[in-house]
Amino acid sequence: MLEITVAWRSPGRESLSVTDILKHVPPRFLVIRMGKMFRSRFAVSSAVTILMVVLLLGTFASALLYVSTLQMQNIVEGAKPIGHLSEAAREKIDAERIDSESGTIRVKVKNTGLITVKVTQAWLTQPDGSLTVVDIEPDRQLVVLEEAEIAIPCNGSCAFIGLQTERGNVFPVATGL
């Protein structure tokens, strides 16, 4: 601590107080004294500041690595569905209803897409709105620009017919009747 003791009295003046003495001391002396007195505290605060900066930088770097790792995992996991989606987008068939016999609907199918298509199911919507899914046995595989006829078993009349491929696309059947 800074202690100042006044040991003299000037004639005609009262004793000087500490604040009066500090007013008359040049500021550079006060800075020098304060520097000597607080030098160890400045060193500690600098070390603590450097330690905090290093910790903050380490935390930032680890958070950045964690986020980039998560993004890379999402890219790798998403690569398979994207390939599947691109195949599904290149798939296209044109289907037209030829005729309806008792309990069977014949459909003419043509693959107009860019890849081979396998027709696996038929979706039949009844006039009352109910949906019936019928498996096509055996699955019908069509190469590009191939045409084929498919017989679909149907009980009663059908308001809508859709053909589903193995990739999950459903294509409507146009009524040719």
Protein backbone atom coordinates (compact mmCIF):
# COMPACT_ATOMS: atom_id res chain seq x y z
CA MET A 1 0.00 0.00 0.00
CA LEU A 2 0.94 3.58 -0.47
CA GLU A 3 1.56 5.35 2.82
CA ILE A 4 2.44 8.97 3.14
CA THR A 5 3.41 10.52 6.41
CA VAL A 6 3.64 14.25 6.90
CA ALA A 7 6.32 15.14 9.42
CA TRP A 8 6.63 18.86 9.17
CA ARG A 9 4.55 21.96 9.49
CA SER A 10 5.25 24.98 7.54
CA PRO A 11 5.03 28.32 9.30
CA GLY A 12 1.64 29.88 8.83
CA ARG A 13 0.16 26.72 7.36
CA GLU A 14 -1.65 23.86 8.77
CA SER A 15 -0.42 20.33 8.27
CA LEU A 16 -0.73 18.99 4.71
CA SER A 17 -3.17 16.23 3.96
CA VAL A 18 -2.39 13.22 1.76
CA THR A 19 -4.54 14.54 -1.10
CA ASP A 20 -2.72 17.88 -0.98
CA ILE A 21 0.62 16.13 -1.22
CA LEU A 22 -0.55 13.94 -4.11
CA LYS A 23 -1.71 17.06 -5.94
CA HIS A 24 1.83 18.42 -5.88
CA VAL A 25 3.59 15.19 -6.86
CA PRO A 26 4.20 14.94 -10.61
CA PRO A 27 2.04 12.23 -12.27
CA ARG A 28 5.00 10.33 -13.69
CA PHE A 29 6.21 9.54 -10.16
CA LEU A 30 2.80 8.19 -9.25
CA VAL A 31 2.80 5.99 -12.35
CA ILE A 32 6.24 4.64 -11.52
CA ARG A 33 5.21 3.88 -7.94
CA MET A 34 1.94 2.31 -9.07
CA GLY A 35 3.81 0.23 -11.64
CA LYS A 36 6.18 -1.14 -9.04
CA MET A 37 3.36 -1.80 -6.66
CA PHE A 38 1.04 -3.59 -9.14
CA ARG A 39 3.61 -5.27 -11.39
CA SER A 40 2.86 -8.74 -10.04
CA ARG A 41 -0.91 -8.21 -10.47
CA PHE A 42 -0.44 -7.14 -14.10
CA ALA A 43 1.54 -10.31 -14.78
CA VAL A 44 -1.21 -12.48 -13.29
CA SER A 45 -3.97 -10.73 -15.23
CA SER A 46 -1.99 -11.08 -18.48
CA ALA A 47 -1.50 -14.80 -17.88
CA VAL A 48 -5.19 -15.26 -17.10
CA THR A 49 -6.14 -13.32 -20.24
CA ILE A 50 -3.85 -15.44 -22.42
CA LEU A 51 -5.27 -18.61 -20.86
CA MET A 52 -8.85 -17.46 -21.54
CA VAL A 53 -8.00 -16.61 -25.16
CA VAL A 54 -6.42 -20.04 -25.69
CA LEU A 55 -9.48 -21.75 -24.16
CA LEU A 56 -11.86 -19.75 -26.34
CA LEU A 57 -9.87 -20.53 -29.49
CA GLY A 58 -9.80 -24.23 -28.59
CA THR A 59 -13.54 -24.26 -27.97
CA PHE A 60 -14.19 -22.50 -31.27
CA ALA A 61 -11.94 -24.92 -33.17
CA SER A 62 -13.58 -27.99 -31.60
CA ALA A 63 -17.07 -26.66 -32.37
CA LEU A 64 -16.03 -26.01 -35.96
CA LEU A 65 -14.65 -29.54 -36.32
CA TYR A 66 -17.83 -31.01 -34.80
CA VAL A 67 -20.11 -29.11 -37.19
CA SER A 68 -18.03 -30.01 -40.24
CA THR A 69 -18.02 -33.69 -39.21
CA LEU A 70 -21.81 -33.66 -38.90
CA GLN A 71 -22.14 -32.07 -42.32
CA MET A 72 -19.87 -34.67 -43.90
CA GLN A 73 -21.92 -37.47 -42.31
CA ASN A 74 -25.12 -35.96 -43.72
CA ILE A 75 -23.57 -35.74 -47.19
CA VAL A 76 -22.48 -39.39 -47.10
CA GLU A 77 -25.86 -40.55 -45.76
CA GLY A 78 -27.71 -38.44 -48.34
CA ALA A 79 -25.71 -39.74 -51.31
CA LYS A 80 -27.67 -42.99 -51.60
CA PRO A 81 -31.14 -41.41 -51.68
CA ILE A 82 -29.96 -38.83 -54.23
CA GLY A 83 -28.83 -41.63 -56.56
CA HIS A 84 -32.13 -43.38 -56.05
CA LEU A 85 -34.02 -40.16 -56.76
CA SER A 86 -32.11 -39.49 -59.95
CA GLU A 87 -32.99 -42.97 -61.21
CA ALA A 88 -36.61 -42.49 -60.23
CA ALA A 89 -36.70 -39.16 -62.11
CA ARG A 90 -35.47 -40.81 -65.32
CA GLU A 91 -38.20 -43.44 -65.10
CA LYS A 92 -41.34 -42.90 -67.24
CA ILE A 93 -44.01 -45.15 -68.69
CA ASP A 94 -47.06 -44.47 -70.83
CA ALA A 95 -50.00 -46.74 -70.14
CA GLU A 96 -53.36 -46.99 -71.91
CA ARG A 97 -56.38 -49.12 -71.06
CA ILE A 98 -57.22 -51.44 -73.96
CA ASP A 99 -60.33 -53.25 -72.82
CA SER A 100 -62.14 -54.65 -69.83
CA GLU A 101 -63.23 -58.24 -69.80
CA SER A 102 -65.09 -59.86 -66.94
CA GLY A 103 -62.86 -59.39 -63.89
CA THR A 104 -59.74 -58.37 -65.89
CA ILE A 105 -58.47 -55.08 -67.31
CA ARG A 106 -55.88 -55.20 -70.08
CA VAL A 107 -53.40 -52.35 -70.19
CA LYS A 108 -50.87 -51.50 -72.91
CA VAL A 109 -47.63 -50.22 -71.34
CA LYS A 110 -44.67 -48.53 -73.06
CA ASN A 111 -41.39 -47.54 -71.37
CA THR A 112 -40.61 -44.00 -72.58
CA GLY A 113 -38.01 -43.24 -69.90
CA LEU A 114 -34.25 -43.46 -69.98
CA ILE A 115 -33.80 -46.60 -67.84
CA THR A 116 -35.29 -50.08 -67.49
CA VAL A 117 -38.58 -50.15 -65.55
CA LYS A 118 -40.12 -52.98 -63.55
CA VAL A 119 -43.90 -52.69 -62.98
CA THR A 120 -44.77 -54.36 -59.67
CA GLN A 121 -48.25 -53.21 -58.59
CA ALA A 122 -51.48 -51.70 -59.86
CA TRP A 123 -53.49 -49.20 -57.84
CA LEU A 124 -57.22 -49.46 -58.48
CA THR A 125 -59.58 -46.78 -57.20
CA GLN A 126 -63.23 -47.79 -57.01
CA PRO A 127 -66.02 -45.27 -57.74
CA ASP A 128 -66.76 -45.05 -53.98
CA GLY A 129 -63.16 -43.85 -53.35
CA SER A 130 -61.70 -47.03 -51.89
CA LEU A 131 -58.20 -48.02 -53.00
CA THR A 132 -57.13 -51.55 -53.85
CA VAL A 133 -53.50 -52.45 -54.47
CA VAL A 134 -52.99 -55.49 -56.70
CA ASP A 135 -49.62 -57.20 -57.16
CA ILE A 136 -48.75 -57.91 -60.78
CA GLU A 137 -47.54 -61.50 -61.00
CA PRO A 138 -44.89 -61.89 -62.32
CA ASP A 139 -43.33 -58.42 -62.19
CA ARG A 140 -43.16 -56.98 -65.68
CA GLN A 141 -39.74 -55.58 -66.66
CA LEU A 142 -39.57 -53.24 -69.66
CA VAL A 143 -36.39 -52.01 -71.28
CA VAL A 144 -36.31 -48.59 -72.92
CA LEU A 145 -38.99 -48.18 -75.64
CA GLU A 146 -40.39 -51.70 -75.08
CA GLU A 147 -44.16 -52.23 -75.20
CA ALA A 148 -46.14 -54.92 -73.39
CA GLU A 149 -49.65 -55.84 -72.31
CA ILE A 150 -50.47 -56.37 -68.66
CA ALA A 151 -53.61 -58.05 -67.35
CA ILE A 152 -54.87 -56.61 -64.05
CA PRO A 153 -57.55 -58.47 -62.07
CA CYS A 154 -60.39 -56.10 -61.10
CA ASN A 155 -63.71 -56.75 -59.39
CA GLY A 156 -66.29 -54.32 -60.76
CA SER A 157 -65.51 -50.95 -62.33
CA CYS A 158 -62.45 -48.84 -61.60
CA ALA A 159 -62.44 -45.02 -61.59
CA PHE A 160 -58.65 -44.70 -61.65
CA ILE A 161 -55.83 -47.11 -62.43
CA GLY A 162 -52.18 -46.44 -61.62
CA LEU A 163 -49.13 -48.59 -62.23
CA GLN A 164 -46.38 -48.57 -59.60
CA THR A 165 -42.74 -49.35 -60.39
CA GLU A 166 -40.15 -50.91 -58.10
CA ARG A 167 -38.68 -47.44 -57.42
CA GLY A 168 -42.03 -46.24 -56.06
CA ASN A 169 -43.28 -44.06 -58.94
CA VAL A 170 -46.96 -44.35 -59.80
CA PHE A 171 -48.03 -43.63 -63.39
CA PRO A 172 -51.68 -43.13 -64.39
CA VAL A 173 -53.36 -45.35 -66.97
CA ALA A 174 -55.23 -43.38 -69.62
CA THR A 175 -58.68 -44.68 -70.46
CA GLY A 176 -58.65 -45.72 -74.11
CA LEU A 177 -62.25 -46.90 -74.02
